[in-house]
C-alpha atoms as a PDB file:
ATOM      1  CA  UNK A   1     104.819 101.868 123.409  1.00  0.00           C
ATOM      2  CA  UNK A   2     101.279 101.085 122.971  1.00  0.00           C
ATOM      3  CA  UNK A   3      99.225 103.451 120.905  1.00  0.00           C
ATOM      4  CA  UNK A   4      95.349 103.693 120.115  1.00  0.00           C
ATOM      5  CA  UNK A   5      94.367 105.466 116.902  1.00  0.00           C
ATOM      6  CA  UNK A   6      90.539 106.471 116.334  1.00  0.00           C
ATOM      7  CA  UNK A   7      89.939 107.900 113.313  1.00  0.00           C
ATOM      8  CA  UNK A   8      86.313 109.086 111.722  1.00  0.00           C
ATOM      9  CA  UNK A   9      85.753 110.621 108.805  1.00  0.00           C
ATOM     10  CA  UNK A  10      82.246 111.690 107.837  1.00  0.00           C
ATOM     11  CA  UNK A  11      80.819 113.142 104.474  1.00  0.00           C
ATOM     12  CA  UNK A  12      77.436 114.695 104.320  1.00  0.00           C
ATOM     13  CA  UNK A  13      74.909 115.512 101.465  1.00  0.00           C
ATOM     14  CA  UNK A  14      71.854 117.106 100.917  1.00  0.00           C
ATOM     15  CA  UNK A  15      70.119 114.277  99.682  1.00  0.00           C
ATOM     16  CA  UNK A  16      71.024 110.723  98.977  1.00  0.00           C
ATOM     17  CA  UNK A  17      73.627 110.238  96.456  1.00  0.00           C
ATOM     18  CA  UNK A  18      75.051 106.947  94.878  1.00  0.00           C
ATOM     19  CA  UNK A  19      78.750 106.427  95.808  1.00  0.00           C
ATOM     20  CA  UNK A  20      81.395 105.003  93.535  1.00  0.00           C
ATOM     21  CA  UNK A  21      84.422 102.655  94.813  1.00  0.00           C
ATOM     22  CA  UNK A  22      86.233 104.303  97.562  1.00  0.00           C
ATOM     23  CA  UNK A  23      89.846 103.525  98.302  1.00  0.00           C
ATOM     24  CA  UNK A  24      90.766 103.386 102.000  1.00  0.00           C
ATOM     25  CA  UNK A  25      94.511 103.628 103.389  1.00  0.00           C
ATOM     26  CA  UNK A  26      94.065 104.124 107.068  1.00  0.00           C
ATOM     27  CA  UNK A  27      95.925 100.814 108.095  1.00  0.00           C
ATOM     28  CA  UNK A  28      99.435 101.188 109.491  1.00  0.00           C
ATOM     29  CA  UNK A  29     102.311  99.596 107.667  1.00  0.00           C
ATOM     30  CA  UNK A  30     103.307  96.697 109.930  1.00  0.00           C
ATOM     31  CA  UNK A  31     107.250  95.617 110.159  1.00  0.00           C
ATOM     32  CA  UNK A  32     110.017  95.259 112.698  1.00  0.00           C
ATOM     33  CA  UNK A  33     108.964  98.519 114.226  1.00  0.00           C
ATOM     34  CA  UNK A  34     105.076  98.330 114.285  1.00  0.00           C
ATOM     35  CA  UNK A  35     102.637  95.617 115.235  1.00  0.00           C
ATOM     36  CA  UNK A  36      98.804  95.889 115.106  1.00  0.00           C
ATOM     37  CA  UNK A  37      97.378  94.092 118.111  1.00  0.00           C
ATOM     38  CA  UNK A  38      93.629  94.895 117.238  1.00  0.00           C
ATOM     39  CA  UNK A  39      91.659  96.783 114.527  1.00  0.00           C
ATOM     40  CA  UNK A  40      88.018  97.712 113.906  1.00  0.00           C
ATOM     41  CA  UNK A  41      86.652  99.248 110.594  1.00  0.00           C
ATOM     42  CA  UNK A  42      83.296 100.335 110.392  1.00  0.00           C
ATOM     43  CA  UNK A  43      81.421 101.886 107.205  1.00  0.00           C
ATOM     44  CA  UNK A  44      78.151 103.073 106.364  1.00  0.00           C
ATOM     45  CA  UNK A  45      75.949 102.997 104.168  1.00  0.00           C
ATOM     46  CA  UNK A  46      75.888  99.188 103.065  1.00  0.00           C
ATOM     47  CA  UNK A  47      78.935  98.030 101.268  1.00  0.00           C
ATOM     48  CA  UNK A  48      81.439  95.432 100.425  1.00  0.00           C
ATOM     49  CA  UNK A  49      85.047  95.437 101.364  1.00  0.00           C
ATOM     50  CA  UNK A  50      88.217  93.600  99.373  1.00  0.00           C
ATOM     51  CA  UNK A  51      91.717  94.027 100.770  1.00  0.00           C
ATOM     52  CA  UNK A  52      94.702  94.636  98.698  1.00  0.00           C
ATOM     53  CA  UNK A  53      98.353  95.634  98.457  1.00  0.00           C
ATOM     54  CA  UNK A  54      99.623  98.272  95.914  1.00  0.00           C
ATOM     55  CA  UNK A  55     102.929  98.610  94.267  1.00  0.00           C
ATOM     56  CA  UNK A  56     104.350 100.257  97.275  1.00  0.00           C
ATOM     57  CA  UNK A  57     102.992  97.583  99.774  1.00  0.00           C
ATOM     58  CA  UNK A  58     100.495  99.924 101.366  1.00  0.00           C
ATOM     59  CA  UNK A  59      97.294  97.946 102.598  1.00  0.00           C
ATOM     60  CA  UNK A  60      94.195  99.147 100.767  1.00  0.00           C
ATOM     61  CA  UNK A  61      90.492  98.516 101.514  1.00  0.00           C
ATOM     62  CA  UNK A  62      88.552  98.849  98.376  1.00  0.00           C
ATOM     63  CA  UNK A  63      85.051  99.489  99.092  1.00  0.00           C
ATOM     64  CA  UNK A  64      82.035  99.278  96.919  1.00  0.00           C
ATOM     65  CA  UNK A  65      78.769 100.612  98.164  1.00  0.00           C
ATOM     66  CA  UNK A  66      75.506  98.724  97.517  1.00  0.00           C
ATOM     67  CA  UNK A  67      72.829 101.514  98.551  1.00  0.00           C
ATOM     68  CA  UNK A  68      72.456 105.275  98.305  1.00  0.00           C
ATOM     69  CA  UNK A  69      72.620 107.504 101.284  1.00  0.00           C
ATOM     70  CA  UNK A  70      72.907 111.203 102.444  1.00  0.00           C
ATOM     71  CA  UNK A  71      75.856 110.482 104.802  1.00  0.00           C
ATOM     72  CA  UNK A  72      79.193 108.376 104.500  1.00  0.00           C
ATOM     73  CA  UNK A  73      80.860 107.535 107.638  1.00  0.00           C
ATOM     74  CA  UNK A  74      84.249 105.634 108.078  1.00  0.00           C
ATOM     75  CA  UNK A  75      85.550 104.821 111.464  1.00  0.00           C
ATOM     76  CA  UNK A  76      88.742 102.961 112.250  1.00  0.00           C
ATOM     77  CA  UNK A  77      90.134 102.103 115.409  1.00  0.00           C
ATOM     78  CA  UNK A  78      93.598 100.460 116.137  1.00  0.00           C
ATOM     79  CA  UNK A  79      95.797  99.394 118.939  1.00  0.00           C
ATOM     80  CA  UNK A  80      99.383  98.883 117.925  1.00  0.00           C
ATOM     81  CA  UNK A  81     102.973  98.184 119.585  1.00  0.00           C
ATOM     82  CA  UNK A  82     105.451 100.697 118.398  1.00  0.00           C
ATOM     83  CA  UNK A  83     108.870  99.549 118.915  1.00  0.00           C
ATOM     84  CA  UNK A  84     111.017 102.430 117.301  1.00  0.00           C
ATOM     85  CA  UNK A  85     112.410 104.484 120.238  1.00  0.00           C
ATOM     86  CA  UNK A  86     115.570 105.746 118.977  1.00  0.00           C
ATOM     87  CA  UNK A  87     114.987 107.149 115.328  1.00  0.00           C
ATOM     88  CA  UNK A  88     118.922 108.008 115.187  1.00  0.00           C
ATOM     89  CA  UNK A  89     120.116 104.457 115.679  1.00  0.00           C
ATOM     90  CA  UNK A  90     121.743 103.551 112.274  1.00  0.00           C
ATOM     91  CA  UNK A  91     125.010 104.198 110.400  1.00  0.00           C
ATOM     92  CA  UNK A  92     125.226 105.519 107.055  1.00  0.00           C
ATOM     93  CA  UNK A  93     127.386 103.902 104.612  1.00  0.00           C
ATOM     94  CA  UNK A  94     130.738 105.603 104.229  1.00  0.00           C
ATOM     95  CA  UNK A  95     129.813 106.521 100.680  1.00  0.00           C
ATOM     96  CA  UNK A  96     126.776 108.521 101.855  1.00  0.00           C
ATOM     97  CA  UNK A  97     128.028 110.279 104.918  1.00  0.00           C
ATOM     98  CA  UNK A  98     128.728 113.517 102.977  1.00  0.00           C
ATOM     99  CA  UNK A  99     126.460 115.109  99.959  1.00  0.00           C
ATOM    100  CA  UNK A 100     126.842 115.044  97.351  1.00  0.00           C
ATOM    101  CA  UNK A 101     126.945 111.102  96.757  1.00  0.00           C
ATOM    102  CA  UNK A 102     125.701 108.787  94.275  1.00  0.00           C
ATOM    103  CA  UNK A 103     123.473 105.874  94.892  1.00  0.00           C
ATOM    104  CA  UNK A 104     125.291 102.374  93.578  1.00  0.00           C
ATOM    105  CA  UNK A 105     124.276 100.378  90.602  1.00  0.00           C
ATOM    106  CA  UNK A 106     122.561  97.746  92.514  1.00  0.00           C
ATOM    107  CA  UNK A 107     120.514 100.559  94.340  1.00  0.00           C
ATOM    108  CA  UNK A 108     119.664 103.034  91.543  1.00  0.00           C
ATOM    109  CA  UNK A 109     117.190 100.828  89.509  1.00  0.00           C
ATOM    110  CA  UNK A 110     115.114 100.099  92.454  1.00  0.00           C
ATOM    111  CA  UNK A 111     114.525 103.883  93.430  1.00  0.00           C
ATOM    112  CA  UNK A 112     114.637 105.491  90.012  1.00  0.00           C
ATOM    113  CA  UNK A 113     111.055 106.228  90.190  1.00  0.00           C
ATOM    114  CA  UNK A 114     111.576 108.540  93.500  1.00  0.00           C
ATOM    115  CA  UNK A 115     114.102 110.864  92.094  1.00  0.00           C
ATOM    116  CA  UNK A 116     112.494 112.798  89.389  1.00  0.00           C
ATOM    117  CA  UNK A 117     110.838 116.154  90.698  1.00  0.00           C
ATOM    118  CA  UNK A 118     106.945 116.189  90.405  1.00  0.00           C
ATOM    119  CA  UNK A 119     106.889 119.690  89.655  1.00  0.00           C
ATOM    120  CA  UNK A 120     109.578 120.583  86.992  1.00  0.00           C
ATOM    121  CA  UNK A 121     108.238 124.182  86.349  1.00  0.00           C
ATOM    122  CA  UNK A 122     109.191 124.911  90.132  1.00  0.00           C
ATOM    123  CA  UNK A 123     112.723 123.926  89.993  1.00  0.00           C
ATOM    124  CA  UNK A 124     114.226 127.380  89.111  1.00  0.00           C
ATOM    125  CA  UNK A 125     112.264 128.695  92.425  1.00  0.00           C
ATOM    126  CA  UNK A 126     113.186 125.660  94.346  1.00  0.00           C
ATOM    127  CA  UNK A 127     116.889 125.852  93.464  1.00  0.00           C
ATOM    128  CA  UNK A 128     117.058 129.525  94.250  1.00  0.00           C
ATOM    129  CA  UNK A 129     115.531 128.632  97.845  1.00  0.00           C
ATOM    130  CA  UNK A 130     117.729 125.723  98.422  1.00  0.00           C
ATOM    131  CA  UNK A 131     121.130 127.854  97.801  1.00  0.00           C
ATOM    132  CA  UNK A 132     120.938 129.121 101.141  1.00  0.00           C
ATOM    133  CA  UNK A 133     121.653 125.578 102.348  1.00  0.00           C
ATOM    134  CA  UNK A 134     123.735 123.958  99.598  1.00  0.00           C
ATOM    135  CA  UNK A 135     124.630 124.490  95.724  1.00  0.00           C
ATOM    136  CA  UNK A 136     126.723 122.980  93.296  1.00  0.00           C
ATOM    137  CA  UNK A 137     130.614 124.127  93.990  1.00  0.00           C
ATOM    138  CA  UNK A 138     130.257 124.358  97.620  1.00  0.00           C
ATOM    139  CA  UNK A 139     132.363 121.959  99.663  1.00  0.00           C
ATOM    140  CA  UNK A 140     130.636 118.601 100.462  1.00  0.00           C
ATOM    141  CA  UNK A 141     128.584 118.680 103.534  1.00  0.00           C
ATOM    142  CA  UNK A 142     127.421 116.140 106.174  1.00  0.00           C
ATOM    143  CA  UNK A 143     124.202 114.574 104.529  1.00  0.00           C
ATOM    144  CA  UNK A 144     122.210 114.299 107.933  1.00  0.00           C
ATOM    145  CA  UNK A 145     122.989 117.622 108.746  1.00  0.00           C
ATOM    146  CA  UNK A 146     121.754 119.135 105.175  1.00  0.00           C
ATOM    147  CA  UNK A 147     118.474 117.355 105.672  1.00  0.00           C
ATOM    148  CA  UNK A 148     117.925 118.095 109.060  1.00  0.00           C
ATOM    149  CA  UNK A 149     118.672 121.963 108.165  1.00  0.00           C
ATOM    150  CA  UNK A 150     116.081 121.949 105.767  1.00  0.00           C
ATOM    151  CA  UNK A 151     113.645 119.901 107.738  1.00  0.00           C
ATOM    152  CA  UNK A 152     114.051 122.469 110.977  1.00  0.00           C
ATOM    153  CA  UNK A 153     114.068 125.736 108.565  1.00  0.00           C
ATOM    154  CA  UNK A 154     110.564 124.685 107.278  1.00  0.00           C
ATOM    155  CA  UNK A 155     109.423 124.042 110.704  1.00  0.00           C
ATOM    156  CA  UNK A 156     110.841 127.470 112.282  1.00  0.00           C
ATOM    157  CA  UNK A 157     109.941 129.963 109.524  1.00  0.00           C
ATOM    158  CA  UNK A 158     106.738 128.439 107.735  1.00  0.00           C
ATOM    159  CA  UNK A 159     103.286 129.017 109.090  1.00  0.00           C
ATOM    160  CA  UNK A 160     101.292 125.884 109.592  1.00  0.00           C
ATOM    161  CA  UNK A 161      97.698 126.064 108.410  1.00  0.00           C
ATOM    162  CA  UNK A 162      95.418 122.990 108.614  1.00  0.00           C
ATOM    163  CA  UNK A 163      93.634 122.339 105.416  1.00  0.00           C
ATOM    164  CA  UNK A 164      90.649 119.532 105.014  1.00  0.00           C
ATOM    165  CA  UNK A 165      90.366 119.937 101.324  1.00  0.00           C
ATOM    166  CA  UNK A 166      92.066 117.610  98.917  1.00  0.00           C
ATOM    167  CA  UNK A 167      95.375 118.011  97.152  1.00  0.00           C
ATOM    168  CA  UNK A 168      98.453 119.745  97.871  1.00  0.00           C
ATOM    169  CA  UNK A 169     100.084 122.890  97.117  1.00  0.00           C
ATOM    170  CA  UNK A 170     103.327 123.103  94.783  1.00  0.00           C
ATOM    171  CA  UNK A 171     106.543 123.967  95.946  1.00  0.00           C
ATOM    172  CA  UNK A 172     106.257 127.583  94.679  1.00  0.00           C
ATOM    173  CA  UNK A 173     102.869 127.939  96.278  1.00  0.00           C
ATOM    174  CA  UNK A 174     104.328 127.047  99.644  1.00  0.00           C
ATOM    175  CA  UNK A 175     107.072 129.148  99.252  1.00  0.00           C
ATOM    176  CA  UNK A 176     105.194 132.281  98.206  1.00  0.00           C
ATOM    177  CA  UNK A 177     102.602 131.771 100.866  1.00  0.00           C
ATOM    178  CA  UNK A 178     105.354 130.922 103.398  1.00  0.00           C
ATOM    179  CA  UNK A 179     102.615 128.567 104.775  1.00  0.00           C
ATOM    180  CA  UNK A 180     100.532 125.496 104.379  1.00  0.00           C
ATOM    181  CA  UNK A 181      99.381 122.005 105.876  1.00  0.00           C
ATOM    182  CA  UNK A 182     101.740 119.094 106.820  1.00  0.00           C
ATOM    183  CA  UNK A 183     101.339 117.690 103.269  1.00  0.00           C
ATOM    184  CA  UNK A 184     102.267 120.768 101.744  1.00  0.00           C
ATOM    185  CA  UNK A 185     105.465 121.139 103.862  1.00  0.00           C
ATOM    186  CA  UNK A 186     106.103 117.309 103.191  1.00  0.00           C
ATOM    187  CA  UNK A 187     105.718 117.878  99.453  1.00  0.00           C
ATOM    188  CA  UNK A 188     108.083 120.813  99.693  1.00  0.00           C
ATOM    189  CA  UNK A 189     111.043 118.627 101.626  1.00  0.00           C
ATOM    190  CA  UNK A 190     110.206 115.800  99.016  1.00  0.00           C
ATOM    191  CA  UNK A 191     110.944 118.250  96.021  1.00  0.00           C
ATOM    192  CA  UNK A 192     113.845 119.658  97.887  1.00  0.00           C
ATOM    193  CA  UNK A 193     115.464 116.212  98.313  1.00  0.00           C
ATOM    194  CA  UNK A 194     115.003 115.108  94.580  1.00  0.00           C
ATOM    195  CA  UNK A 195     116.137 118.457  93.272  1.00  0.00           C
ATOM    196  CA  UNK A 196     119.470 117.277  94.916  1.00  0.00           C
ATOM    197  CA  UNK A 197     119.298 113.843  93.496  1.00  0.00           C
ATOM    198  CA  UNK A 198     118.181 112.014  96.532  1.00  0.00           C
ATOM    199  CA  UNK A 199     115.350 109.441  96.310  1.00  0.00           C
ATOM    200  CA  UNK A 200     112.376 110.614  98.261  1.00  0.00           C
ATOM    201  CA  UNK A 201     108.704 109.587  98.920  1.00  0.00           C
ATOM    202  CA  UNK A 202     105.532 110.884 100.626  1.00  0.00           C
ATOM    203  CA  UNK A 203     104.141 109.342 103.552  1.00  0.00           C
ATOM    204  CA  UNK A 204     100.929 109.865 105.211  1.00  0.00           C
ATOM    205  CA  UNK A 205      99.816 108.545 108.688  1.00  0.00           C
ATOM    206  CA  UNK A 206      99.334 109.560 112.269  1.00  0.00           C
ATOM    207  CA  UNK A 207     101.374 111.431 115.014  1.00  0.00           C
ATOM    208  CA  UNK A 208     101.326 111.249 118.909  1.00  0.00           C
ATOM    209  CA  UNK A 209     101.082 114.565 120.293  1.00  0.00           C
ATOM    210  CA  UNK A 210      99.246 116.722 122.467  1.00  0.00           C
ATOM    211  CA  UNK A 211      96.939 117.902 119.469  1.00  0.00           C
ATOM    212  CA  UNK A 212      96.120 114.316 118.550  1.00  0.00           C
ATOM    213  CA  UNK A 213      95.567 112.939 122.235  1.00  0.00           C
ATOM    214  CA  UNK A 214      93.250 115.745 122.740  1.00  0.00           C
ATOM    215  CA  UNK A 215      91.150 114.645 119.721  1.00  0.00           C
ATOM    216  CA  UNK A 216      89.610 116.578 116.906  1.00  0.00           C
ATOM    217  CA  UNK A 217      92.652 116.536 115.041  1.00  0.00           C
ATOM    218  CA  UNK A 218      93.691 115.201 111.424  1.00  0.00           C
ATOM    219  CA  UNK A 219      95.984 112.896 109.822  1.00  0.00           C
ATOM    220  CA  UNK A 220      99.612 113.700 109.339  1.00  0.00           C
ATOM    221  CA  UNK A 221     102.304 113.826 106.537  1.00  0.00           C
ATOM    222  CA  UNK A 222     106.309 113.940 106.407  1.00  0.00           C
ATOM    223  CA  UNK A 223     108.813 112.724 103.911  1.00  0.00           C
ATOM    224  CA  UNK A 224     111.071 109.650 103.778  1.00  0.00           C
ATOM    225  CA  UNK A 225     114.493 109.809 102.122  1.00  0.00           C
ATOM    226  CA  UNK A 226     116.626 106.858 100.998  1.00  0.00           C
ATOM    227  CA  UNK A 227     120.045 106.815 102.973  1.00  0.00           C
ATOM    228  CA  UNK A 228     122.342 103.940 102.033  1.00  0.00           C
ATOM    229  CA  UNK A 229     123.022 102.118 105.109  1.00  0.00           C
ATOM    230  CA  UNK A 230     119.940 103.325 106.837  1.00  0.00           C
ATOM    231  CA  UNK A 231     117.106 102.654 104.574  1.00  0.00           C
ATOM    232  CA  UNK A 232     114.057 104.968 103.877  1.00  0.00           C
ATOM    233  CA  UNK A 233     114.568 107.679 107.064  1.00  0.00           C
ATOM    234  CA  UNK A 234     111.702 109.785 107.939  1.00  0.00           C
ATOM    235  CA  UNK A 235     111.871 113.796 108.293  1.00  0.00           C
ATOM    236  CA  UNK A 236     108.943 115.655 109.706  1.00  0.00           C
ATOM    237  CA  UNK A 237     109.179 119.338 108.489  1.00  0.00           C
ATOM    238  CA  UNK A 238     106.085 120.449 110.152  1.00  0.00           C
ATOM    239  CA  UNK A 239     107.581 119.255 113.635  1.00  0.00           C
ATOM    240  CA  UNK A 240     111.122 119.688 112.756  1.00  0.00           C
ATOM    241  CA  UNK A 241     112.187 116.343 113.892  1.00  0.00           C
ATOM    242  CA  UNK A 242     113.451 112.647 112.525  1.00  0.00           C
ATOM    243  CA  UNK A 243     110.502 110.486 112.436  1.00  0.00           C
ATOM    244  CA  UNK A 244     110.441 107.919 115.658  1.00  0.00           C
ATOM    245  CA  UNK A 245     107.976 106.226 117.676  1.00  0.00           C
ATOM    246  CA  UNK A 246     105.543 108.946 117.972  1.00  0.00           C
ATOM    247  CA  UNK A 247     104.977 108.608 114.034  1.00  0.00           C
ATOM    248  CA  UNK A 248     102.795 105.642 112.538  1.00  0.00           C
ATOM    249  CA  UNK A 249     103.271 105.279 108.516  1.00  0.00           C
ATOM    250  CA  UNK A 250     100.243 104.215 106.963  1.00  0.00           C
ATOM    251  CA  UNK A 251     100.894 105.031 103.198  1.00  0.00           C
ATOM    252  CA  UNK A 252     103.897 105.939 101.290  1.00  0.00           C
ATOM    253  CA  UNK A 253     103.965 106.906  97.639  1.00  0.00           C
ATOM    254  CA  UNK A 254     106.094 108.604  94.779  1.00  0.00           C
ATOM    255  CA  UNK A 255     103.040 111.083  94.310  1.00  0.00           C
ATOM    256  CA  UNK A 256     101.304 112.793  97.270  1.00  0.00           C
ATOM    257  CA  UNK A 257      98.027 112.610  95.350  1.00  0.00           C
ATOM    258  CA  UNK A 258      98.318 108.761  95.806  1.00  0.00           C
ATOM    259  CA  UNK A 259      98.613 108.727  99.440  1.00  0.00           C
ATOM    260  CA  UNK A 260      95.214 110.056 100.192  1.00  0.00           C
ATOM    261  CA  UNK A 261      93.811 108.357 103.551  1.00  0.00           C
ATOM    262  CA  UNK A 262      90.378 108.206 101.604  1.00  0.00           C
ATOM    263  CA  UNK A 263      89.502 108.676  97.934  1.00  0.00           C
ATOM    264  CA  UNK A 264      86.461 107.962  96.048  1.00  0.00           C
ATOM    265  CA  UNK A 265      83.552 109.594  94.030  1.00  0.00           C
ATOM    266  CA  UNK A 266      79.633 110.048  94.316  1.00  0.00           C
ATOM    267  CA  UNK A 267      77.003 110.509  91.678  1.00  0.00           C
ATOM    268  CA  UNK A 268      74.235 113.184  92.326  1.00  0.00           C
ATOM    269  CA  UNK A 269      73.604 116.794  91.782  1.00  0.00           C
ATOM    270  CA  UNK A 270      76.861 119.155  91.989  1.00  0.00           C
ATOM    271  CA  UNK A 271      75.311 121.002  94.996  1.00  0.00           C
ATOM    272  CA  UNK A 272      74.641 117.604  96.920  1.00  0.00           C
ATOM    273  CA  UNK A 273      77.808 117.740  98.911  1.00  0.00           C
ATOM    274  CA  UNK A 274      77.558 119.719 102.066  1.00  0.00           C
ATOM    275  CA  UNK A 275      81.067 119.062 103.854  1.00  0.00           C
ATOM    276  CA  UNK A 276      83.360 116.923 105.556  1.00  0.00           C
ATOM    277  CA  UNK A 277      84.177 116.438 109.069  1.00  0.00           C
ATOM    278  CA  UNK A 278      87.562 114.545 110.141  1.00  0.00           C
ATOM    279  CA  UNK A 279      88.282 113.472 113.946  1.00  0.00           C
ATOM    280  CA  UNK A 280      91.635 111.779 114.729  1.00  0.00           C
ATOM    281  CA  UNK A 281      92.683 110.968 118.112  1.00  0.00           C
ATOM    282  CA  UNK A 282      96.005 109.176 118.861  1.00  0.00           C
ATOM    283  CA  UNK A 283      96.847 108.123 122.405  1.00  0.00           C
ATOM    284  CA  UNK A 284      99.578 106.321 124.409  1.00  0.00           C
ATOM    285  CA  UNK A 285      97.443 103.701 126.388  1.00  0.00           C
ATOM    286  CA  UNK A 286     100.618 102.060 128.467  1.00  0.00           C
ATOM    287  CA  UNK A 287     101.796 105.282 130.281  1.00  0.00           C
ATOM    288  CA  UNK A 288     103.266 104.944 133.646  1.00  0.00           C
ATOM    289  CA  UNK A 289     100.651 105.774 136.467  1.00  0.00           C
ATOM    290  CA  UNK A 290     101.697 108.892 137.976  1.00  0.00           C
ATOM    291  CA  UNK A 291     103.279 108.781 141.382  1.00  0.00           C
ATOM    292  CA  UNK A 292     100.936 109.529 144.305  1.00  0.00           C
ATOM    293  CA  UNK A 293     101.225 112.846 145.820  1.00  0.00           C
ATOM    294  CA  UNK A 294     102.709 112.446 149.648  1.00  0.00           C
ATOM    295  CA  UNK A 295     100.458 114.011 152.216  1.00  0.00           C
ATOM    296  CA  UNK A 296     102.584 117.306 153.470  1.00  0.00           C
ATOM    297  CA  UNK A 297     103.785 117.195 157.235  1.00  0.00           C
ATOM    298  CA  UNK A 298     101.158 118.266 159.338  1.00  0.00           C
ATOM    299  CA  UNK A 299     101.355 122.095 160.345  1.00  0.00           C
ATOM    300  CA  UNK A 300      99.925 122.188 163.735  1.00  0.00           C
ATOM    301  CA  UNK A 301     102.860 120.892 165.889  1.00  0.00           C
ATOM    302  CA  UNK A 302     103.826 122.665 169.119  1.00  0.00           C
ATOM    303  CA  UNK A 303     106.210 125.245 168.435  1.00  0.00           C
ATOM    304  CA  UNK A 304     108.306 123.730 171.258  1.00  0.00           C
ATOM    305  CA  UNK A 305     108.652 120.323 169.693  1.00  0.00           C
ATOM    306  CA  UNK A 306     109.758 121.983 166.495  1.00  0.00           C
ATOM    307  CA  UNK A 307     112.553 124.094 168.304  1.00  0.00           C
ATOM    308  CA  UNK A 308     113.637 120.982 169.901  1.00  0.00           C
ATOM    309  CA  UNK A 309     113.852 118.842 166.757  1.00  0.00           C
ATOM    310  CA  UNK A 310     115.919 121.894 165.195  1.00  0.00           C
ATOM    311  CA  UNK A 311     118.196 121.772 168.063  1.00  0.00           C
ATOM    312  CA  UNK A 312     118.920 118.222 168.115  1.00  0.00           C
ATOM    313  CA  UNK A 313     119.416 118.347 164.173  1.00  0.00           C
ATOM    314  CA  UNK A 314     121.976 120.875 164.654  1.00  0.00           C
ATOM    315  CA  UNK A 315     123.671 118.616 167.431  1.00  0.00           C
ATOM    316  CA  UNK A 316     123.502 115.293 165.716  1.00  0.00           C
ATOM    317  CA  UNK A 317     124.563 114.573 162.188  1.00  0.00           C
ATOM    318  CA  UNK A 318     121.828 113.232 159.936  1.00  0.00           C
ATOM    319  CA  UNK A 319     121.981 109.482 159.483  1.00  0.00           C
ATOM    320  CA  UNK A 320     122.875 108.297 155.836  1.00  0.00           C
ATOM    321  CA  UNK A 321     120.078 106.747 153.865  1.00  0.00           C
ATOM    322  CA  UNK A 322     120.672 103.457 152.251  1.00  0.00           C
ATOM    323  CA  UNK A 323     118.626 102.999 148.944  1.00  0.00           C
ATOM    324  CA  UNK A 324     118.559  99.544 147.346  1.00  0.00           C
ATOM    325  CA  UNK A 325     117.857  99.509 143.882  1.00  0.00           C
ATOM    326  CA  UNK A 326     116.360  96.176 142.106  1.00  0.00           C
ATOM    327  CA  UNK A 327     118.686  94.284 139.781  1.00  0.00           C
ATOM    328  CA  UNK A 328     118.135  95.309 136.094  1.00  0.00           C
ATOM    329  CA  UNK A 329     116.327  92.550 134.300  1.00  0.00           C
ATOM    330  CA  UNK A 330     118.720  90.484 132.082  1.00  0.00           C
END
């Protein structure tokens, strides 16, 4: 699947301000499933860019500005190939098929940072909510079934609300409001997994769907859980599905605050900032062309001809049609 992603973010100010260093994470994580064919990054005002990778392997553009301005605009356009067409094409290790399970001594040191909860004060509230799915003392349950039940429940029962302001809601806030943005839902699922002792991380990126194809959309967020035998597998509680070819991961982090697409500062009056506008478009550009609509048969044939055709059809069996299919490519 070939996908084009266009992402424009514009900050406006009432007067020229001085911008501090900005960290931009909008370049997808390449691998066996994603290959970037072309990329454009345009930024105003004048600046310098240095690329780096952080501790999680995210691609980061560090931007330093060399002039003041009353508007900051960041535009990215990417064309990529996505090959992950079957998100369920994996086999868990036998020890992880049912929950609860423990990570082996080789894996545990590598994922220890992704297991403690970020909001320990919310653990009691979170535990009460999770008891409806599984609680200590219950019989073992299929791991994937448990994760998908929680994932689907958030999608089915919580109200989605787009929020452009920075930060995430705590799990308690999301549970109390019974709603939030995609990053709030991802944080709730993240903390649920960690409450159960599973390694989980926050993911920011893009999603191909009707809303993003139409433009005027925003970035997306979901959760990845480390499952022995499968690796990091994504669960999207906003959509209630396991992530696949419609999801494009950009950044992963232990803490959602460290996966923001754009972060930075400015120097100027507190009242200078006027607003932010985000416009994201994600489109599949290799869709098969629709089949041409066949012209309907003419409606002005003489009735006598139609009657004769009907009589002949009743008297003679219809000939069998033979369709020759082309041989499948090797």
